[in-house]
């Protein structure tokens, strides 16, 4: 017995392609989340970029690593800024008393 072939609407395909492009998630991660084959999604993405004039290229491994590093740094700086804001409010309140 052969498995029934799944059919996906063009809107669904475009939505997955847009998610990969917008979020810079790996193709494999998005494909697994939606139950689609990795190579199938890769083909959809190539076709989507071709039809929509997508000149954007995928990030290299070093660029992805740098992006992750910068995202982590932004998160740390936001946490530090929040801490300093709370500390400033605490000391300002203590001086008034």
PDB file of N, CA and C in Angstrom:
ATOM      1  N   UNK A   1       0.835  -1.179   0.000  1.00  0.00           N
ATOM      2  CA  UNK A   1       0.000   0.000   0.000  1.00  0.00           C
ATOM      3  C   UNK A   1       0.882   1.245   0.000  1.00  0.00           C
ATOM      4  N   UNK A   2       0.529   2.228  -0.777  1.00  0.00           N
ATOM      5  CA  UNK A   2       1.270   3.476  -0.794  1.00  0.00           C
ATOM      6  C   UNK A   2       0.530   4.511   0.036  1.00  0.00           C
ATOM      7  N   UNK A   3       1.292   5.385   0.622  1.00  0.00           N
ATOM      8  CA  UNK A   3       0.690   6.437   1.435  1.00  0.00           C
ATOM      9  C   UNK A   3       0.043   7.470   0.524  1.00  0.00           C
ATOM     10  N   UNK A   4      -1.060   8.027   0.982  1.00  0.00           N
ATOM     11  CA  UNK A   4      -1.753   9.048   0.209  1.00  0.00           C
ATOM     12  C   UNK A   4      -0.889  10.314   0.171  1.00  0.00           C
ATOM     13  N   UNK A   5      -0.821  10.918  -0.966  1.00  0.00           N
ATOM     14  CA  UNK A   5      -0.012  12.117  -1.137  1.00  0.00           C
ATOM     15  C   UNK A   5      -0.773  13.321  -0.599  1.00  0.00           C
ATOM     16  N   UNK A   6      -0.094  14.102   0.226  1.00  0.00           N
ATOM     17  CA  UNK A   6      -0.721  15.297   0.783  1.00  0.00           C
ATOM     18  C   UNK A   6      -0.702  16.412  -0.250  1.00  0.00           C
ATOM     19  N   UNK A   7      -1.751  17.183  -0.267  1.00  0.00           N
ATOM     20  CA  UNK A   7      -1.836  18.342  -1.157  1.00  0.00           C
ATOM     21  C   UNK A   7      -1.960  19.588  -0.279  1.00  0.00           C
ATOM     22  N   UNK A   8      -1.185  20.591  -0.622  1.00  0.00           N
ATOM     23  CA  UNK A   8      -1.195  21.834   0.146  1.00  0.00           C
ATOM     24  C   UNK A   8      -1.611  22.985  -0.759  1.00  0.00           C
ATOM     25  N   UNK A   9      -2.359  23.923  -0.190  1.00  0.00           N
ATOM     26  CA  UNK A   9      -2.786  25.080  -0.967  1.00  0.00           C
ATOM     27  C   UNK A   9      -1.599  26.013  -1.193  1.00  0.00           C
ATOM     28  N   UNK A  10      -1.709  26.850  -2.205  1.00  0.00           N
ATOM     29  CA  UNK A  10      -0.647  27.807  -2.507  1.00  0.00           C
ATOM     30  C   UNK A  10      -0.493  28.809  -1.365  1.00  0.00           C
ATOM     31  N   UNK A  11      -1.589  29.162  -0.715  1.00  0.00           N
ATOM     32  CA  UNK A  11      -1.536  30.087   0.405  1.00  0.00           C
ATOM     33  C   UNK A  11      -0.708  29.497   1.552  1.00  0.00           C
ATOM     34  N   UNK A  12      -0.894  28.204   1.812  1.00  0.00           N
ATOM     35  CA  UNK A  12      -0.142  27.523   2.859  1.00  0.00           C
ATOM     36  C   UNK A  12       1.345  27.519   2.523  1.00  0.00           C
ATOM     37  N   UNK A  13       1.666  27.215   1.271  1.00  0.00           N
ATOM     38  CA  UNK A  13       3.063  27.196   0.833  1.00  0.00           C
ATOM     39  C   UNK A  13       3.695  28.572   0.987  1.00  0.00           C
ATOM     40  N   UNK A  14       2.968  29.605   0.539  1.00  0.00           N
ATOM     41  CA  UNK A  14       3.483  30.972   0.642  1.00  0.00           C
ATOM     42  C   UNK A  14       3.674  31.389   2.096  1.00  0.00           C
ATOM     43  N   UNK A  15       2.749  30.984   2.955  1.00  0.00           N
ATOM     44  CA  UNK A  15       2.830  31.323   4.377  1.00  0.00           C
ATOM     45  C   UNK A  15       4.086  30.719   5.009  1.00  0.00           C
ATOM     46  N   UNK A  16       4.378  29.470   4.702  1.00  0.00           N
ATOM     47  CA  UNK A  16       5.577  28.824   5.231  1.00  0.00           C
ATOM     48  C   UNK A  16       6.831  29.494   4.702  1.00  0.00           C
ATOM     49  N   UNK A  17       6.834  29.842   3.433  1.00  0.00           N
ATOM     50  CA  UNK A  17       7.996  30.528   2.842  1.00  0.00           C
ATOM     51  C   UNK A  17       8.210  31.880   3.501  1.00  0.00           C
ATOM     52  N   UNK A  18       7.143  32.599   3.731  1.00  0.00           N
ATOM     53  CA  UNK A  18       7.252  33.903   4.382  1.00  0.00           C
ATOM     54  C   UNK A  18       7.773  33.758   5.810  1.00  0.00           C
ATOM     55  N   UNK A  19       7.367  32.702   6.504  1.00  0.00           N
ATOM     56  CA  UNK A  19       7.856  32.472   7.859  1.00  0.00           C
ATOM     57  C   UNK A  19       9.355  32.210   7.862  1.00  0.00           C
ATOM     58  N   UNK A  20       9.827  31.406   6.929  1.00  0.00           N
ATOM     59  CA  UNK A  20      11.262  31.118   6.847  1.00  0.00           C
ATOM     60  C   UNK A  20      12.039  32.395   6.570  1.00  0.00           C
ATOM     61  N   UNK A  21      11.536  33.207   5.646  1.00  0.00           N
ATOM     62  CA  UNK A  21      12.242  34.439   5.265  1.00  0.00           C
ATOM     63  C   UNK A  21      12.180  35.474   6.376  1.00  0.00           C
ATOM     64  N   UNK A  22      11.015  35.685   6.959  1.00  0.00           N
ATOM     65  CA  UNK A  22      10.842  36.746   7.951  1.00  0.00           C
ATOM     66  C   UNK A  22      11.547  36.449   9.274  1.00  0.00           C
ATOM     67  N   UNK A  23      11.518  35.204   9.705  1.00  0.00           N
ATOM     68  CA  UNK A  23      12.064  34.873  11.022  1.00  0.00           C
ATOM     69  C   UNK A  23      13.480  34.329  10.966  1.00  0.00           C
ATOM     70  N   UNK A  24      13.976  34.054   9.780  1.00  0.00           N
ATOM     71  CA  UNK A  24      15.318  33.459   9.597  1.00  0.00           C
ATOM     72  C   UNK A  24      15.459  32.127  10.330  1.00  0.00           C
ATOM     73  N   UNK A  25      14.332  31.453  10.521  1.00  0.00           N
ATOM     74  CA  UNK A  25      14.382  30.118  11.122  1.00  0.00           C
ATOM     75  C   UNK A  25      14.943  29.139  10.107  1.00  0.00           C
ATOM     76  N   UNK A  26      15.596  28.100  10.560  1.00  0.00           N
ATOM     77  CA  UNK A  26      16.067  27.088   9.618  1.00  0.00           C
ATOM     78  C   UNK A  26      14.892  26.406   8.915  1.00  0.00           C
ATOM     79  N   UNK A  27      15.108  26.045   7.678  1.00  0.00           N
ATOM     80  CA  UNK A  27      14.053  25.398   6.892  1.00  0.00           C
ATOM     81  C   UNK A  27      13.581  24.123   7.584  1.00  0.00           C
ATOM     82  N   UNK A  28      14.525  23.363   8.118  1.00  0.00           N
ATOM     83  CA  UNK A  28      14.170  22.106   8.776  1.00  0.00           C
ATOM     84  C   UNK A  28      13.235  22.329   9.960  1.00  0.00           C
ATOM     85  N   UNK A  29      13.481  23.376  10.729  1.00  0.00           N
ATOM     86  CA  UNK A  29      12.656  23.655  11.905  1.00  0.00           C
ATOM     87  C   UNK A  29      11.215  23.982  11.510  1.00  0.00           C
ATOM     88  N   UNK A  30      11.047  24.813  10.505  1.00  0.00           N
ATOM     89  CA  UNK A  30       9.704  25.179  10.044  1.00  0.00           C
ATOM     90  C   UNK A  30       9.012  23.970   9.419  1.00  0.00           C
ATOM     91  N   UNK A  31       9.753  23.202   8.637  1.00  0.00           N
ATOM     92  CA  UNK A  31       9.176  22.022   7.986  1.00  0.00           C
ATOM     93  C   UNK A  31       8.672  21.026   9.025  1.00  0.00           C
ATOM     94  N   UNK A  32       9.453  20.765  10.046  1.00  0.00           N
ATOM     95  CA  UNK A  32       9.036  19.822  11.086  1.00  0.00           C
ATOM     96  C   UNK A  32       7.838  20.335  11.864  1.00  0.00           C
ATOM     97  N   UNK A  33       7.790  21.642  12.099  1.00  0.00           N
ATOM     98  CA  UNK A  33       6.678  22.227  12.855  1.00  0.00           C
ATOM     99  C   UNK A  33       5.348  22.067  12.124  1.00  0.00           C
ATOM    100  N   UNK A  34       5.385  22.072  10.797  1.00  0.00           N
ATOM    101  CA  UNK A  34       4.157  21.990  10.015  1.00  0.00           C
ATOM    102  C   UNK A  34       3.952  20.633   9.350  1.00  0.00           C
ATOM    103  N   UNK A  35       4.843  19.690   9.601  1.00  0.00           N
ATOM    104  CA  UNK A  35       4.675  18.349   9.051  1.00  0.00           C
ATOM    105  C   UNK A  35       4.911  18.262   7.556  1.00  0.00           C
ATOM    106  N   UNK A  36       5.870  19.027   7.092  1.00  0.00           N
ATOM    107  CA  UNK A  36       6.214  19.054   5.668  1.00  0.00           C
ATOM    108  C   UNK A  36       7.647  18.570   5.540  1.00  0.00           C
ATOM    109  N   UNK A  37       7.973  17.940   4.425  1.00  0.00           N
ATOM    110  CA  UNK A  37       9.335  17.501   4.198  1.00  0.00           C
ATOM    111  C   UNK A  37      10.277  18.675   4.016  1.00  0.00           C
ATOM    112  N   UNK A  38      11.497  18.517   4.510  1.00  0.00           N
ATOM    113  CA  UNK A  38      12.485  19.586   4.432  1.00  0.00           C
ATOM    114  C   UNK A  38      12.784  19.964   2.989  1.00  0.00           C
ATOM    115  N   UNK A  39      13.022  18.963   2.156  1.00  0.00           N
ATOM    116  CA  UNK A  39      13.331  19.245   0.748  1.00  0.00           C
ATOM    117  C   UNK A  39      12.125  19.823   0.017  1.00  0.00           C
ATOM    118  N   UNK A  40      10.943  19.425   0.410  1.00  0.00           N
ATOM    119  CA  UNK A  40       9.735  19.979  -0.197  1.00  0.00           C
ATOM    120  C   UNK A  40       9.645  21.474   0.096  1.00  0.00           C
ATOM    121  N   UNK A  41       9.855  21.833   1.355  1.00  0.00           N
ATOM    122  CA  UNK A  41       9.810  23.246   1.730  1.00  0.00           C
ATOM    123  C   UNK A  41      10.931  24.023   1.036  1.00  0.00           C
ATOM    124  N   UNK A  42      12.098  23.419   0.899  1.00  0.00           N
ATOM    125  CA  UNK A  42      13.211  24.084   0.219  1.00  0.00           C
ATOM    126  C   UNK A  42      12.832  24.390  -1.240  1.00  0.00           C
ATOM    127  N   UNK A  43      12.173  23.443  -1.907  1.00  0.00           N
ATOM    128  CA  UNK A  43      11.730  23.660  -3.293  1.00  0.00           C
ATOM    129  C   UNK A  43      10.685  24.768  -3.357  1.00  0.00           C
ATOM    130  N   UNK A  44       9.728  24.746  -2.412  1.00  0.00           N
ATOM    131  CA  UNK A  44       8.720  25.801  -2.363  1.00  0.00           C
ATOM    132  C   UNK A  44       9.378  27.161  -2.178  1.00  0.00           C
ATOM    133  N   UNK A  45      10.378  27.204  -1.310  1.00  0.00           N
ATOM    134  CA  UNK A  45      11.065  28.462  -1.013  1.00  0.00           C
ATOM    135  C   UNK A  45      11.818  28.978  -2.238  1.00  0.00           C
ATOM    136  N   UNK A  46      12.487  28.096  -2.944  1.00  0.00           N
ATOM    137  CA  UNK A  46      13.184  28.508  -4.169  1.00  0.00           C
ATOM    138  C   UNK A  46      12.204  29.048  -5.201  1.00  0.00           C
ATOM    139  N   UNK A  47      11.080  28.368  -5.354  1.00  0.00           N
ATOM    140  CA  UNK A  47      10.056  28.814  -6.303  1.00  0.00           C
ATOM    141  C   UNK A  47       9.458  30.147  -5.856  1.00  0.00           C
ATOM    142  N   UNK A  48       9.214  30.293  -4.556  1.00  0.00           N
ATOM    143  CA  UNK A  48       8.651  31.533  -4.012  1.00  0.00           C
ATOM    144  C   UNK A  48       9.590  32.707  -4.268  1.00  0.00           C
ATOM    145  N   UNK A  49      10.868  32.502  -3.998  1.00  0.00           N
ATOM    146  CA  UNK A  49      11.848  33.570  -4.221  1.00  0.00           C
ATOM    147  C   UNK A  49      11.962  33.916  -5.695  1.00  0.00           C
ATOM    148  N   UNK A  50      11.868  32.918  -6.555  1.00  0.00           N
ATOM    149  CA  UNK A  50      11.955  33.160  -7.990  1.00  0.00           C
ATOM    150  C   UNK A  50      10.748  33.963  -8.480  1.00  0.00           C
ATOM    151  N   UNK A  51       9.558  33.599  -8.040  1.00  0.00           N
ATOM    152  CA  UNK A  51       8.346  34.271  -8.515  1.00  0.00           C
ATOM    153  C   UNK A  51       8.135  35.641  -7.877  1.00  0.00           C
ATOM    154  N   UNK A  52       8.629  35.839  -6.664  1.00  0.00           N
ATOM    155  CA  UNK A  52       8.438  37.109  -5.963  1.00  0.00           C
ATOM    156  C   UNK A  52       9.676  37.993  -6.025  1.00  0.00           C
ATOM    157  N   UNK A  53      10.602  37.674  -6.879  1.00  0.00           N
ATOM    158  CA  UNK A  53      11.788  38.511  -7.043  1.00  0.00           C
ATOM    159  C   UNK A  53      12.668  38.564  -5.814  1.00  0.00           C
ATOM    160  N   UNK A  54      12.715  37.481  -5.085  1.00  0.00           N
ATOM    161  CA  UNK A  54      13.503  37.442  -3.854  1.00  0.00           C
ATOM    162  C   UNK A  54      14.992  37.371  -4.147  1.00  0.00           C
ATOM    163  N   UNK A  55      15.666  38.500  -4.034  1.00  0.00           N
ATOM    164  CA  UNK A  55      17.114  38.514  -4.228  1.00  0.00           C
ATOM    165  C   UNK A  55      17.843  38.259  -2.923  1.00  0.00           C
ATOM    166  N   UNK A  56      17.083  38.158  -1.852  1.00  0.00           N
ATOM    167  CA  UNK A  56      17.674  37.919  -0.541  1.00  0.00           C
ATOM    168  C   UNK A  56      18.272  36.513  -0.501  1.00  0.00           C
ATOM    169  N   UNK A  57      19.499  36.425  -0.048  1.00  0.00           N
ATOM    170  CA  UNK A  57      20.150  35.129   0.064  1.00  0.00           C
ATOM    171  C   UNK A  57      20.084  34.645   1.500  1.00  0.00           C
ATOM    172  N   UNK A  58      20.231  33.361   1.671  1.00  0.00           N
ATOM    173  CA  UNK A  58      20.211  32.802   3.011  1.00  0.00           C
ATOM    174  C   UNK A  58      21.479  33.203   3.757  1.00  0.00           C
ATOM    175  N   UNK A  59      21.386  33.271   5.059  1.00  0.00           N
ATOM    176  CA  UNK A  59      22.539  33.616   5.875  1.00  0.00           C
ATOM    177  C   UNK A  59      23.518  32.459   5.919  1.00  0.00           C
ATOM    178  N   UNK A  60      24.783  32.786   5.965  1.00  0.00           N
ATOM    179  CA  UNK A  60      25.796  31.756   6.107  1.00  0.00           C
ATOM    180  C   UNK A  60      25.835  31.312   7.562  1.00  0.00           C
ATOM    181  N   UNK A  61      26.555  30.258   7.831  1.00  0.00           N
ATOM    182  CA  UNK A  61      26.649  29.733   9.195  1.00  0.00           C
ATOM    183  C   UNK A  61      27.262  30.775  10.117  1.00  0.00           C
ATOM    184  N   UNK A  62      28.319  31.446   9.652  1.00  0.00           N
ATOM    185  CA  UNK A  62      28.963  32.457  10.499  1.00  0.00           C
ATOM    186  C   UNK A  62      28.043  33.654  10.730  1.00  0.00           C
ATOM    187  N   UNK A  63      27.242  34.020   9.717  1.00  0.00           N
ATOM    188  CA  UNK A  63      26.301  35.125   9.897  1.00  0.00           C
ATOM    189  C   UNK A  63      25.201  34.751  10.885  1.00  0.00           C
ATOM    190  N   UNK A  64      24.738  33.512  10.817  1.00  0.00           N
ATOM    191  CA  UNK A  64      23.721  33.065  11.781  1.00  0.00           C
ATOM    192  C   UNK A  64      24.272  33.056  13.200  1.00  0.00           C
ATOM    193  N   UNK A  65      25.516  32.617  13.346  1.00  0.00           N
ATOM    194  CA  UNK A  65      26.137  32.596  14.667  1.00  0.00           C
ATOM    195  C   UNK A  65      26.276  34.018  15.206  1.00  0.00           C
ATOM    196  N   UNK A  66      26.698  34.937  14.342  1.00  0.00           N
ATOM    197  CA  UNK A  66      26.842  36.340  14.748  1.00  0.00           C
ATOM    198  C   UNK A  66      25.487  36.926  15.126  1.00  0.00           C
ATOM    199  N   UNK A  67      24.456  36.600  14.354  1.00  0.00           N
ATOM    200  CA  UNK A  67      23.111  37.082  14.648  1.00  0.00           C
ATOM    201  C   UNK A  67      22.637  36.585  16.007  1.00  0.00           C
ATOM    202  N   UNK A  68      22.855  35.296  16.288  1.00  0.00           N
ATOM    203  CA  UNK A  68      22.479  34.735  17.594  1.00  0.00           C
ATOM    204  C   UNK A  68      23.227  35.451  18.715  1.00  0.00           C
ATOM    205  N   UNK A  69      24.518  35.699  18.495  1.00  0.00           N
ATOM    206  CA  UNK A  69      25.339  36.381  19.496  1.00  0.00           C
ATOM    207  C   UNK A  69      24.801  37.788  19.762  1.00  0.00           C
ATOM    208  N   UNK A  70      24.450  38.506  18.711  1.00  0.00           N
ATOM    209  CA  UNK A  70      23.919  39.864  18.869  1.00  0.00           C
ATOM    210  C   UNK A  70      22.549  39.859  19.537  1.00  0.00           C
ATOM    211  N   UNK A  71      21.709  38.881  19.210  1.00  0.00           N
ATOM    212  CA  UNK A  71      20.405  38.783  19.864  1.00  0.00           C
ATOM    213  C   UNK A  71      20.566  38.520  21.360  1.00  0.00           C
ATOM    214  N   UNK A  72      21.519  37.660  21.708  1.00  0.00           N
ATOM    215  CA  UNK A  72      21.792  37.374  23.115  1.00  0.00           C
ATOM    216  C   UNK A  72      22.294  38.632  23.829  1.00  0.00           C
ATOM    217  N   UNK A  73      23.152  39.388  23.158  1.00  0.00           N
ATOM    218  CA  UNK A  73      23.692  40.616  23.740  1.00  0.00           C
ATOM    219  C   UNK A  73      22.594  41.645  23.960  1.00  0.00           C
ATOM    220  N   UNK A  74      21.676  41.771  23.008  1.00  0.00           N
ATOM    221  CA  UNK A  74      20.554  42.696  23.153  1.00  0.00           C
ATOM    222  C   UNK A  74      19.705  42.301  24.352  1.00  0.00           C
ATOM    223  N   UNK A  75      19.457  41.016  24.499  1.00  0.00           N
ATOM    224  CA  UNK A  75      18.668  40.522  25.631  1.00  0.00           C
ATOM    225  C   UNK A  75      19.350  40.866  26.952  1.00  0.00           C
ATOM    226  N   UNK A  76      20.661  40.644  27.013  1.00  0.00           N
ATOM    227  CA  UNK A  76      21.424  40.966  28.228  1.00  0.00           C
ATOM    228  C   UNK A  76      21.387  42.460  28.522  1.00  0.00           C
ATOM    229  N   UNK A  77      21.539  43.283  27.512  1.00  0.00           N
ATOM    230  CA  UNK A  77      21.533  44.736  27.712  1.00  0.00           C
ATOM    231  C   UNK A  77      20.158  45.231  28.158  1.00  0.00           C
ATOM    232  N   UNK A  78      19.102  44.634  27.623  1.00  0.00           N
ATOM    233  CA  UNK A  78      17.754  45.024  28.066  1.00  0.00           C
ATOM    234  C   UNK A  78      17.538  44.660  29.528  1.00  0.00           C
ATOM    235  N   UNK A  79      18.009  43.473  29.925  1.00  0.00           N
ATOM    236  CA  UNK A  79      17.877  43.057  31.324  1.00  0.00           C
ATOM    237  C   UNK A  79      18.680  43.987  32.226  1.00  0.00           C
ATOM    238  N   UNK A  80      19.872  44.360  31.797  1.00  0.00           N
ATOM    239  CA  UNK A  80      20.709  45.267  32.577  1.00  0.00           C
ATOM    240  C   UNK A  80      20.056  46.643  32.700  1.00  0.00           C
ATOM    241  N   UNK A  81      19.488  47.149  31.618  1.00  0.00           N
ATOM    242  CA  UNK A  81      18.815  48.447  31.642  1.00  0.00           C
ATOM    243  C   UNK A  81      17.613  48.416  32.591  1.00  0.00           C
ATOM    244  N   UNK A  82      16.867  47.311  32.583  1.00  0.00           N
ATOM    245  CA  UNK A  82      15.724  47.168  33.478  1.00  0.00           C
ATOM    246  C   UNK A  82      16.182  47.159  34.933  1.00  0.00           C
ATOM    247  N   UNK A  83      17.268  46.448  35.206  1.00  0.00           N
ATOM    248  CA  UNK A  83      17.813  46.398  36.559  1.00  0.00           C
ATOM    249  C   UNK A  83      18.239  47.791  37.011  1.00  0.00           C
ATOM    250  N   UNK A  84      18.944  48.509  36.155  1.00  0.00           N
ATOM    251  CA  UNK A  84      19.408  49.853  36.512  1.00  0.00           C
ATOM    252  C   UNK A  84      18.238  50.807  36.735  1.00  0.00           C
ATOM    253  N   UNK A  85      17.184  50.645  35.961  1.00  0.00           N
ATOM    254  CA  UNK A  85      15.995  51.480  36.128  1.00  0.00           C
ATOM    255  C   UNK A  85      15.356  51.232  37.496  1.00  0.00           C
ATOM    256  N   UNK A  86      15.271  49.957  37.874  1.00  0.00           N
ATOM    257  CA  UNK A  86      14.694  49.625  39.175  1.00  0.00           C
ATOM    258  C   UNK A  86      15.590  50.104  40.308  1.00  0.00           C
ATOM    259  N   UNK A  87      16.902  49.980  40.142  1.00  0.00           N
ATOM    260  CA  UNK A  87      17.839  50.429  41.174  1.00  0.00           C
ATOM    261  C   UNK A  87      17.761  51.942  41.343  1.00  0.00           C
ATOM    262  N   UNK A  88      17.650  52.662  40.246  1.00  0.00           N
ATOM    263  CA  UNK A  88      17.534  54.115  40.306  1.00  0.00           C
ATOM    264  C   UNK A  88      16.266  54.510  41.045  1.00  0.00           C
ATOM    265  N   UNK A  89      15.165  53.849  40.754  1.00  0.00           N
ATOM    266  CA  UNK A  89      13.899  54.152  41.429  1.00  0.00           C
ATOM    267  C   UNK A  89      14.006  53.847  42.921  1.00  0.00           C
ATOM    268  N   UNK A  90      14.676  52.768  43.286  1.00  0.00           N
ATOM    269  CA  UNK A  90      14.836  52.392  44.686  1.00  0.00           C
ATOM    270  C   UNK A  90      15.632  53.448  45.448  1.00  0.00           C
ATOM    271  N   UNK A  91      16.769  53.850  44.892  1.00  0.00           N
ATOM    272  CA  UNK A  91      17.612  54.828  45.581  1.00  0.00           C
ATOM    273  C   UNK A  91      16.983  56.211  45.593  1.00  0.00           C
ATOM    274  N   UNK A  92      16.232  56.569  44.573  1.00  0.00           N
ATOM    275  CA  UNK A  92      15.539  57.847  44.558  1.00  0.00           C
ATOM    276  C   UNK A  92      14.472  57.869  45.648  1.00  0.00           C
ATOM    277  N   UNK A  93      13.786  56.754  45.829  1.00  0.00           N
ATOM    278  CA  UNK A  93      12.745  56.671  46.841  1.00  0.00           C
ATOM    279  C   UNK A  93      13.370  56.713  48.231  1.00  0.00           C
ATOM    280  N   UNK A  94      14.519  56.096  48.421  1.00  0.00           N
ATOM    281  CA  UNK A  94      15.180  56.075  49.722  1.00  0.00           C
ATOM    282  C   UNK A  94      15.709  57.450  50.115  1.00  0.00           C
ATOM    283  N   UNK A  95      16.158  58.250  49.168  1.00  0.00           N
ATOM    284  CA  UNK A  95      16.666  59.582  49.465  1.00  0.00           C
ATOM    285  C   UNK A  95      15.548  60.518  49.926  1.00  0.00           C
ATOM    286  N   UNK A  96      14.316  60.292  49.447  1.00  0.00           N
ATOM    287  CA  UNK A  96      13.199  61.146  49.830  1.00  0.00           C
ATOM    288  C   UNK A  96      12.772  60.897  51.263  1.00  0.00           C
ATOM    289  N   UNK A  97      13.062  59.739  51.783  1.00  0.00           N
ATOM    290  CA  UNK A  97      12.589  59.407  53.144  1.00  0.00           C
ATOM    291  C   UNK A  97      13.464  59.979  54.198  1.00  0.00           C
TER     292      UNK A  97
END
